PDB file of N, CA and C in Angstrom:
ATOM      1  N   MET A   1      23.472 -10.018   0.137  1.00  0.00           N
ATOM      2  CA  MET A   1      22.908  -9.351   0.522  1.00  0.00           C
ATOM      3  C   MET A   1      21.680 -10.598   0.347  1.00  0.00           C
ATOM      4  N   GLY A   2      21.171 -10.887   1.948  1.00  0.00           N
ATOM      5  CA  GLY A   2      19.680 -11.321   1.976  1.00  0.00           C
ATOM      6  C   GLY A   2      18.702 -11.078   0.900  1.00  0.00           C
ATOM      7  N   GLN A   3      17.590 -12.343   1.148  1.00  0.00           N
ATOM      8  CA  GLN A   3      16.982 -11.801   0.350  1.00  0.00           C
ATOM      9  C   GLN A   3      15.234 -11.096   1.232  1.00  0.00           C
ATOM     10  N   ARG A   4      14.903 -10.121   0.907  1.00  0.00           N
ATOM     11  CA  ARG A   4      13.550  -9.719   1.235  1.00  0.00           C
ATOM     12  C   ARG A   4      12.394  -9.860   1.340  1.00  0.00           C
ATOM     13  N   SER A   5      11.873  -9.814   2.515  1.00  0.00           N
ATOM     14  CA  SER A   5      10.531 -10.480   2.434  1.00  0.00           C
ATOM     15  C   SER A   5       9.709  -9.554   1.662  1.00  0.00           C
ATOM     16  N   THR A   6       8.943 -10.403   0.682  1.00  0.00           N
ATOM     17  CA  THR A   6       7.447  -9.692   0.185  1.00  0.00           C
ATOM     18  C   THR A   6       5.996  -9.795   0.556  1.00  0.00           C
ATOM     19  N   PHE A   7       5.004  -9.100   0.829  1.00  0.00           N
ATOM     20  CA  PHE A   7       3.938  -9.170   1.432  1.00  0.00           C
ATOM     21  C   PHE A   7       3.240  -9.363   0.063  1.00  0.00           C
ATOM     22  N   LYS A   8       1.435  -9.362   0.764  1.00  0.00           N
ATOM     23  CA  LYS A   8       0.619  -9.189  -0.145  1.00  0.00           C
ATOM     24  C   LYS A   8      -0.132  -8.248   0.646  1.00  0.00           C
ATOM     25  N   ILE A   9      -1.418  -7.248   0.176  1.00  0.00           N
ATOM     26  CA  ILE A   9      -2.078  -6.936   1.519  1.00  0.00           C
ATOM     27  C   ILE A   9      -2.665  -6.079   1.130  1.00  0.00           C
ATOM     28  N   ASP A  10      -4.355  -6.846   1.029  1.00  0.00           N
ATOM     29  CA  ASP A  10      -5.659  -6.663   0.273  1.00  0.00           C
ATOM     30  C   ASP A  10      -5.958  -5.040   1.728  1.00  0.00           C
ATOM     31  N   LEU A  11      -5.740  -4.064   1.058  1.00  0.00           N
ATOM     32  CA  LEU A  11      -6.945  -2.640   1.872  1.00  0.00           C
ATOM     33  C   LEU A  11      -8.040  -2.878   1.794  1.00  0.00           C
ATOM     34  N   ASN A  12      -8.907  -3.680   1.319  1.00  0.00           N
ATOM     35  CA  ASN A  12     -10.268  -3.706   2.026  1.00  0.00           C
ATOM     36  C   ASN A  12     -10.462  -4.751   3.271  1.00  0.00           C
ATOM     37  N   LYS A  13      -9.666  -5.790   3.738  1.00  0.00           N
ATOM     38  CA  LYS A  13      -9.718  -6.108   4.835  1.00  0.00           C
ATOM     39  C   LYS A  13      -9.036  -5.535   6.106  1.00  0.00           C
ATOM     40  N   ILE A  14      -8.531  -4.266   5.312  1.00  0.00           N
ATOM     41  CA  ILE A  14      -8.521  -3.420   6.688  1.00  0.00           C
ATOM     42  C   ILE A  14      -9.246  -1.997   7.356  1.00  0.00           C
ATOM     43  N   ASP A  15      -9.500  -2.914   9.034  1.00  0.00           N
ATOM     44  CA  ASP A  15     -10.614  -1.514   9.476  1.00  0.00           C
ATOM     45  C   ASP A  15      -9.918  -0.656   9.876  1.00  0.00           C
ATOM     46  N   GLY A  16     -10.356   0.628   9.494  1.00  0.00           N
ATOM     47  CA  GLY A  16     -10.330   1.768  10.041  1.00  0.00           C
ATOM     48  C   GLY A  16      -9.966   3.091   8.347  1.00  0.00           C
ATOM     49  N   ASP A  17      -9.054   3.333   8.841  1.00  0.00           N
ATOM     50  CA  ASP A  17      -8.219   4.794   7.381  1.00  0.00           C
ATOM     51  C   ASP A  17      -7.362   4.508   7.000  1.00  0.00           C
ATOM     52  N   GLY A  18      -6.688   3.072   6.971  1.00  0.00           N
ATOM     53  CA  GLY A  18      -6.113   2.254   5.715  1.00  0.00           C
ATOM     54  C   GLY A  18      -4.385   2.540   6.560  1.00  0.00           C
ATOM     55  N   GLU A  19      -4.217   2.179   7.852  1.00  0.00           N
ATOM     56  CA  GLU A  19      -3.245   2.616   7.925  1.00  0.00           C
ATOM     57  C   GLU A  19      -3.195   0.670   9.254  1.00  0.00           C
ATOM     58  N   PHE A  20      -1.939   0.408   8.448  1.00  0.00           N
ATOM     59  CA  PHE A  20      -1.684  -1.236   8.919  1.00  0.00           C
ATOM     60  C   PHE A  20       0.123  -1.348   9.823  1.00  0.00           C
ATOM     61  N   PRO A  21      -0.349  -2.021  10.196  1.00  0.00           N
ATOM     62  CA  PRO A  21       1.747  -2.735  10.442  1.00  0.00           C
ATOM     63  C   PRO A  21       2.508  -3.239   9.360  1.00  0.00           C
ATOM     64  N   CYS A  22       3.788  -2.723   9.034  1.00  0.00           N
ATOM     65  CA  CYS A  22       4.446  -3.979   8.233  1.00  0.00           C
ATOM     66  C   CYS A  22       4.333  -5.315   8.983  1.00  0.00           C
ATOM     67  N   PRO A  23       3.831  -6.418   8.323  1.00  0.00           N
ATOM     68  CA  PRO A  23       3.719  -7.900   7.994  1.00  0.00           C
ATOM     69  C   PRO A  23       4.993  -8.621   8.434  1.00  0.00           C
ATOM     70  N   SER A  24       6.382  -7.850   8.556  1.00  0.00           N
ATOM     71  CA  SER A  24       7.551  -8.479   9.026  1.00  0.00           C
ATOM     72  C   SER A  24       7.760  -7.550  10.605  1.00  0.00           C
ATOM     73  N   CYS A  25       8.064  -6.521  10.303  1.00  0.00           N
ATOM     74  CA  CYS A  25       8.631  -5.904  11.787  1.00  0.00           C
ATOM     75  C   CYS A  25       8.016  -5.065  12.606  1.00  0.00           C
ATOM     76  N   ARG A  26       6.617  -4.951  12.318  1.00  0.00           N
ATOM     77  CA  ARG A  26       5.157  -4.344  12.932  1.00  0.00           C
ATOM     78  C   ARG A  26       5.232  -3.024  13.419  1.00  0.00           C
ATOM     79  N   ALA A  27       6.199  -1.943  12.578  1.00  0.00           N
ATOM     80  CA  ALA A  27       6.224  -0.734  12.342  1.00  0.00           C
ATOM     81  C   ALA A  27       4.962  -0.126  11.301  1.00  0.00           C
ATOM     82  N   VAL A  28       4.381   0.674  12.440  1.00  0.00           N
ATOM     83  CA  VAL A  28       2.711   1.538  11.386  1.00  0.00           C
ATOM     84  C   VAL A  28       2.939   1.914  10.004  1.00  0.00           C
ATOM     85  N   LEU A  29       2.396   1.538   9.346  1.00  0.00           N
ATOM     86  CA  LEU A  29       2.680   2.532   7.894  1.00  0.00           C
ATOM     87  C   LEU A  29       1.104   3.220   7.729  1.00  0.00           C
ATOM     88  N   SER A  30       1.181   4.127   7.094  1.00  0.00           N
ATOM     89  CA  SER A  30      -0.106   4.568   7.168  1.00  0.00           C
ATOM     90  C   SER A  30      -0.444   5.935   5.807  1.00  0.00           C
ATOM     91  N   PRO A  31      -1.531   5.656   5.238  1.00  0.00           N
ATOM     92  CA  PRO A  31      -1.149   6.055   3.879  1.00  0.00           C
ATOM     93  C   PRO A  31      -1.643   7.689   3.980  1.00  0.00           C
ATOM     94  N   ASP A  32      -1.351   8.648   5.263  1.00  0.00           N
ATOM     95  CA  ASP A  32      -1.709   9.396   5.467  1.00  0.00           C
ATOM     96  C   ASP A  32      -0.374  10.480   6.147  1.00  0.00           C
ATOM     97  N   ASP A  33       1.063   9.249   6.290  1.00  0.00           N
ATOM     98  CA  ASP A  33       2.129   9.549   6.383  1.00  0.00           C
ATOM     99  C   ASP A  33       2.897  10.352   5.361  1.00  0.00           C
ATOM    100  N   GLU A  34       2.942  11.304   4.810  1.00  0.00           N
ATOM    101  CA  GLU A  34       3.522  12.515   3.760  1.00  0.00           C
ATOM    102  C   GLU A  34       5.639  12.475   4.128  1.00  0.00           C
ATOM    103  N   SER A  35       6.009  11.485   5.282  1.00  0.00           N
ATOM    104  CA  SER A  35       7.037  12.083   6.079  1.00  0.00           C
ATOM    105  C   SER A  35       8.097  11.281   5.058  1.00  0.00           C
ATOM    106  N   GLY A  36       8.036  10.397   4.556  1.00  0.00           N
ATOM    107  CA  GLY A  36       9.048   9.407   3.897  1.00  0.00           C
ATOM    108  C   GLY A  36       9.799   8.823   4.850  1.00  0.00           C
ATOM    109  N   LEU A  37       9.534   8.374   6.134  1.00  0.00           N
ATOM    110  CA  LEU A  37      10.237   8.054   6.939  1.00  0.00           C
ATOM    111  C   LEU A  37      10.426   6.480   7.348  1.00  0.00           C
ATOM    112  N   THR A  38       8.498   6.340   6.861  1.00  0.00           N
ATOM    113  CA  THR A  38       8.349   4.703   7.261  1.00  0.00           C
ATOM    114  C   THR A  38       8.561   4.360   6.071  1.00  0.00           C
ATOM    115  N   TYR A  39       8.171   4.791   4.578  1.00  0.00           N
ATOM    116  CA  TYR A  39       7.767   3.517   3.439  1.00  0.00           C
ATOM    117  C   TYR A  39       8.011   4.689   2.575  1.00  0.00           C
ATOM    118  N   ASP A  40       8.490   3.509   1.525  1.00  0.00           N
ATOM    119  CA  ASP A  40       8.436   4.393   0.110  1.00  0.00           C
ATOM    120  C   ASP A  40       8.013   3.510  -1.146  1.00  0.00           C
ATOM    121  N   ILE A  41       7.518   4.778  -1.619  1.00  0.00           N
ATOM    122  CA  ILE A  41       6.238   3.595  -3.158  1.00  0.00           C
ATOM    123  C   ILE A  41       7.842   3.689  -3.988  1.00  0.00           C
ATOM    124  N   ILE A  42       7.729   2.262  -4.181  1.00  0.00           N
ATOM    125  CA  ILE A  42       8.693   1.937  -5.458  1.00  0.00           C
ATOM    126  C   ILE A  42       7.747   1.708  -6.868  1.00  0.00           C
ATOM    127  N   ASP A  43       6.159   1.435  -6.736  1.00  0.00           N
ATOM    128  CA  ASP A  43       6.071   0.714  -8.165  1.00  0.00           C
ATOM    129  C   ASP A  43       4.447   1.283  -8.122  1.00  0.00           C
ATOM    130  N   VAL A  44       3.729   1.903  -9.015  1.00  0.00           N
ATOM    131  CA  VAL A  44       2.800   2.086  -8.988  1.00  0.00           C
ATOM    132  C   VAL A  44       1.614   1.318 -10.110  1.00  0.00           C
ATOM    133  N   LYS A  45       0.550   0.726 -10.253  1.00  0.00           N
ATOM    134  CA  LYS A  45       0.275  -0.128 -11.422  1.00  0.00           C
ATOM    135  C   LYS A  45      -1.446   0.262 -11.640  1.00  0.00           C
ATOM    136  N   MET A  46      -1.328   0.797 -12.766  1.00  0.00           N
ATOM    137  CA  MET A  46      -2.916   1.495 -12.780  1.00  0.00           C
ATOM    138  C   MET A  46      -3.300   0.377 -13.982  1.00  0.00           C
ATOM    139  N   GLU A  47      -5.397   0.112 -13.506  1.00  0.00           N
ATOM    140  CA  GLU A  47      -6.204  -0.297 -14.697  1.00  0.00           C
ATOM    141  C   GLU A  47      -5.849   0.567 -16.190  1.00  0.00           C
ATOM    142  N   GLU A  48      -6.278  -0.054 -17.280  1.00  0.00           N
ATOM    143  CA  GLU A  48      -6.297   0.106 -18.188  1.00  0.00           C
ATOM    144  C   GLU A  48      -6.754   1.694 -18.251  1.00  0.00           C
ATOM    145  N   GLY A  49      -8.137   1.485 -17.716  1.00  0.00           N
ATOM    146  CA  GLY A  49      -9.509   3.288 -17.694  1.00  0.00           C
ATOM    147  C   GLY A  49      -8.156   4.085 -16.805  1.00  0.00           C
ATOM    148  N   GLY A  50      -7.268   3.664 -16.258  1.00  0.00           N
ATOM    149  CA  GLY A  50      -6.266   4.982 -14.880  1.00  0.00           C
ATOM    150  C   GLY A  50      -6.606   4.800 -13.555  1.00  0.00           C
ATOM    151  N   SER A  51      -7.504   3.637 -13.453  1.00  0.00           N
ATOM    152  CA  SER A  51      -8.067   3.317 -12.027  1.00  0.00           C
ATOM    153  C   SER A  51      -6.547   2.699 -11.119  1.00  0.00           C
ATOM    154  N   LEU A  52      -6.022   3.189  -9.820  1.00  0.00           N
ATOM    155  CA  LEU A  52      -5.045   2.935  -9.708  1.00  0.00           C
ATOM    156  C   LEU A  52      -5.650   1.056  -9.298  1.00  0.00           C
ATOM    157  N   LYS A  53      -4.207   0.620  -9.469  1.00  0.00           N
ATOM    158  CA  LYS A  53      -4.622  -1.266  -9.348  1.00  0.00           C
ATOM    159  C   LYS A  53      -4.287  -2.014  -8.276  1.00  0.00           C
ATOM    160  N   GLU A  54      -2.663  -1.160  -7.926  1.00  0.00           N
ATOM    161  CA  GLU A  54      -1.297  -1.769  -7.292  1.00  0.00           C
ATOM    162  C   GLU A  54      -0.450  -0.784  -6.486  1.00  0.00           C
ATOM    163  N   LEU A  55       0.354  -0.747  -5.493  1.00  0.00           N
ATOM    164  CA  LEU A  55       1.321   0.367  -5.257  1.00  0.00           C
ATOM    165  C   LEU A  55       1.883  -0.650  -4.026  1.00  0.00           C
ATOM    166  N   VAL A  56       3.198  -0.436  -4.884  1.00  0.00           N
ATOM    167  CA  VAL A  56       3.906  -1.539  -4.538  1.00  0.00           C
ATOM    168  C   VAL A  56       5.296  -0.630  -3.349  1.00  0.00           C
ATOM    169  N   ILE A  57       5.619  -1.139  -2.101  1.00  0.00           N
ATOM    170  CA  ILE A  57       6.025  -0.116  -0.938  1.00  0.00           C
ATOM    171  C   ILE A  57       6.811  -0.396  -0.213  1.00  0.00           C
ATOM    172  N   ILE A  58       8.050  -0.280  -0.279  1.00  0.00           N
ATOM    173  CA  ILE A  58       8.929  -1.018   0.735  1.00  0.00           C
ATOM    174  C   ILE A  58       9.259  -0.017   2.344  1.00  0.00           C
ATOM    175  N   CYS A  59       9.248  -0.822   3.163  1.00  0.00           N
ATOM    176  CA  CYS A  59       9.552  -0.472   4.793  1.00  0.00           C
ATOM    177  C   CYS A  59      10.247  -0.331   4.914  1.00  0.00           C
ATOM    178  N   LYS A  60      10.435   1.090   5.335  1.00  0.00           N
ATOM    179  CA  LYS A  60      12.355   1.762   5.677  1.00  0.00           C
ATOM    180  C   LYS A  60      12.726   0.687   6.511  1.00  0.00           C
ATOM    181  N   LYS A  61      11.979   0.531   7.817  1.00  0.00           N
ATOM    182  CA  LYS A  61      12.454  -0.380   8.978  1.00  0.00           C
ATOM    183  C   LYS A  61      12.995  -1.591   8.473  1.00  0.00           C
ATOM    184  N   CYS A  62      12.814  -2.047   7.749  1.00  0.00           N
ATOM    185  CA  CYS A  62      12.782  -3.578   8.081  1.00  0.00           C
ATOM    186  C   CYS A  62      13.273  -4.098   6.260  1.00  0.00           C
ATOM    187  N   LYS A  63      13.042  -3.182   5.326  1.00  0.00           N
ATOM    188  CA  LYS A  63      13.265  -3.866   3.657  1.00  0.00           C
ATOM    189  C   LYS A  63      12.706  -4.851   3.315  1.00  0.00           C
ATOM    190  N   SER A  64      11.241  -5.022   3.938  1.00  0.00           N
ATOM    191  CA  SER A  64      10.032  -5.707   3.356  1.00  0.00           C
ATOM    192  C   SER A  64       9.658  -4.824   1.743  1.00  0.00           C
ATOM    193  N   ILE A  65       9.280  -5.169   0.671  1.00  0.00           N
ATOM    194  CA  ILE A  65       8.295  -4.804   0.082  1.00  0.00           C
ATOM    195  C   ILE A  65       6.773  -5.483  -0.120  1.00  0.00           C
ATOM    196  N   ILE A  66       6.282  -5.177   0.226  1.00  0.00           N
ATOM    197  CA  ILE A  66       4.537  -4.968   0.361  1.00  0.00           C
ATOM    198  C   ILE A  66       4.044  -4.495  -0.775  1.00  0.00           C
ATOM    199  N   HIS A  67       2.399  -4.990  -1.354  1.00  0.00           N
ATOM    200  CA  HIS A  67       2.522  -5.366  -2.495  1.00  0.00           C
ATOM    201  C   HIS A  67       0.482  -4.942  -1.779  1.00  0.00           C
ATOM    202  N   LEU A  68      -0.178  -3.488  -1.921  1.00  0.00           N
ATOM    203  CA  LEU A  68      -0.948  -3.151  -1.872  1.00  0.00           C
ATOM    204  C   LEU A  68      -2.111  -3.346  -2.969  1.00  0.00           C
ATOM    205  N   GLU A  69      -3.505  -4.351  -2.365  1.00  0.00           N
ATOM    206  CA  GLU A  69      -4.029  -4.092  -3.926  1.00  0.00           C
ATOM    207  C   GLU A  69      -5.425  -3.506  -2.944  1.00  0.00           C
ATOM    208  N   GLY A  70      -6.246  -3.743  -3.493  1.00  0.00           N
ATOM    209  CA  GLY A  70      -7.882  -3.030  -2.972  1.00  0.00           C
ATOM    210  C   GLY A  70      -8.842  -1.992  -3.100  1.00  0.00           C
ATOM    211  N   PHE A  71      -8.254  -1.545  -4.023  1.00  0.00           N
ATOM    212  CA  PHE A  71      -8.364  -0.100  -4.334  1.00  0.00           C
ATOM    213  C   PHE A  71      -9.819   0.055  -5.327  1.00  0.00           C
ATOM    214  N   GLU A  72      -9.958  -1.116  -5.103  1.00  0.00           N
ATOM    215  CA  GLU A  72     -11.930  -1.038  -6.065  1.00  0.00           C
ATOM    216  C   GLU A  72     -12.806   0.301  -5.073  1.00  0.00           C
ATOM    217  N   ALA A  73     -12.766   0.077  -3.877  1.00  0.00           N
ATOM    218  CA  ALA A  73     -14.009   1.412  -3.110  1.00  0.00           C
ATOM    219  C   ALA A  73     -12.953   2.404  -3.649  1.00  0.00           C
ATOM    220  N   LEU A  74     -11.455   3.034  -3.674  1.00  0.00           N
ATOM    221  CA  LEU A  74     -11.895   4.296  -3.522  1.00  0.00           C
ATOM    222  C   LEU A  74     -11.539   3.800  -5.227  1.00  0.00           C
ATOM    223  N   ASN A  75     -11.804   3.128  -6.161  1.00  0.00           N
ATOM    224  CA  ASN A  75     -12.048   3.400  -7.743  1.00  0.00           C
ATOM    225  C   ASN A  75     -13.652   4.235  -7.670  1.00  0.00           C
ATOM    226  N   GLU A  76     -14.365   3.344  -7.107  1.00  0.00           N
ATOM    227  CA  GLU A  76     -15.898   3.547  -6.763  1.00  0.00           C
ATOM    228  C   GLU A  76     -16.025   4.568  -6.273  1.00  0.00           C
ATOM    229  N   LEU A  77     -15.748   5.005  -5.264  1.00  0.00           N
ATOM    230  CA  LEU A  77     -15.831   5.845  -4.802  1.00  0.00           C
ATOM    231  C   LEU A  77     -15.434   7.638  -5.863  1.00  0.00           C
ATOM    232  N   ASP A  78     -14.090   7.649  -6.756  1.00  0.00           N
ATOM    233  CA  ASP A  78     -13.366   8.482  -7.897  1.00  0.00           C
ATOM    234  C   ASP A  78     -15.099   8.514  -8.940  1.00  0.00           C
ATOM    235  N   ASN A  79     -15.944   7.409  -9.050  1.00  0.00           N
ATOM    236  CA  ASN A  79     -16.032   7.281 -10.107  1.00  0.00           C
ATOM    237  C   ASN A  79     -17.531   8.111  -9.872  1.00  0.00           C
ATOM    238  N   SER A  80     -18.118   8.154  -8.742  1.00  0.00           N
ATOM    239  CA  SER A  80     -19.670   8.618  -7.808  1.00  0.00           C
ATOM    240  C   SER A  80     -19.847   9.945  -7.615  1.00  0.00           C
ATOM    241  N   GLU A  81     -18.288  10.458  -8.088  1.00  0.00           N
ATOM    242  CA  GLU A  81     -18.009  11.838  -7.770  1.00  0.00           C
ATOM    243  C   GLU A  81     -18.242  12.306  -9.413  1.00  0.00           C
ATOM    244  N   GLU A  82     -18.433  11.396 -10.621  1.00  0.00           N
ATOM    245  CA  GLU A  82     -18.608  12.657 -11.071  1.00  0.00           C
ATOM    246  C   GLU A  82     -19.483  12.728 -12.465  1.00  0.00           C
TER     247      GLU A  82
END
């Protein structure tokens, strides 16, 4: 079995609504896609305080592993609503 490609993406560097192309096959991956057709979440890493730190997904088209970072802005938004 071949080795899967692994990528790291900082969401703070993505313009727009968080949609981005897979770094390997260019399939469009969107946080709003709830169909389960383009990617699966395979790991969720949390900070000690319960804030989201990293999301690890797998592209269903090419099987690349993608580590999503940069949830600080989302965490700050959640904290400002309290």
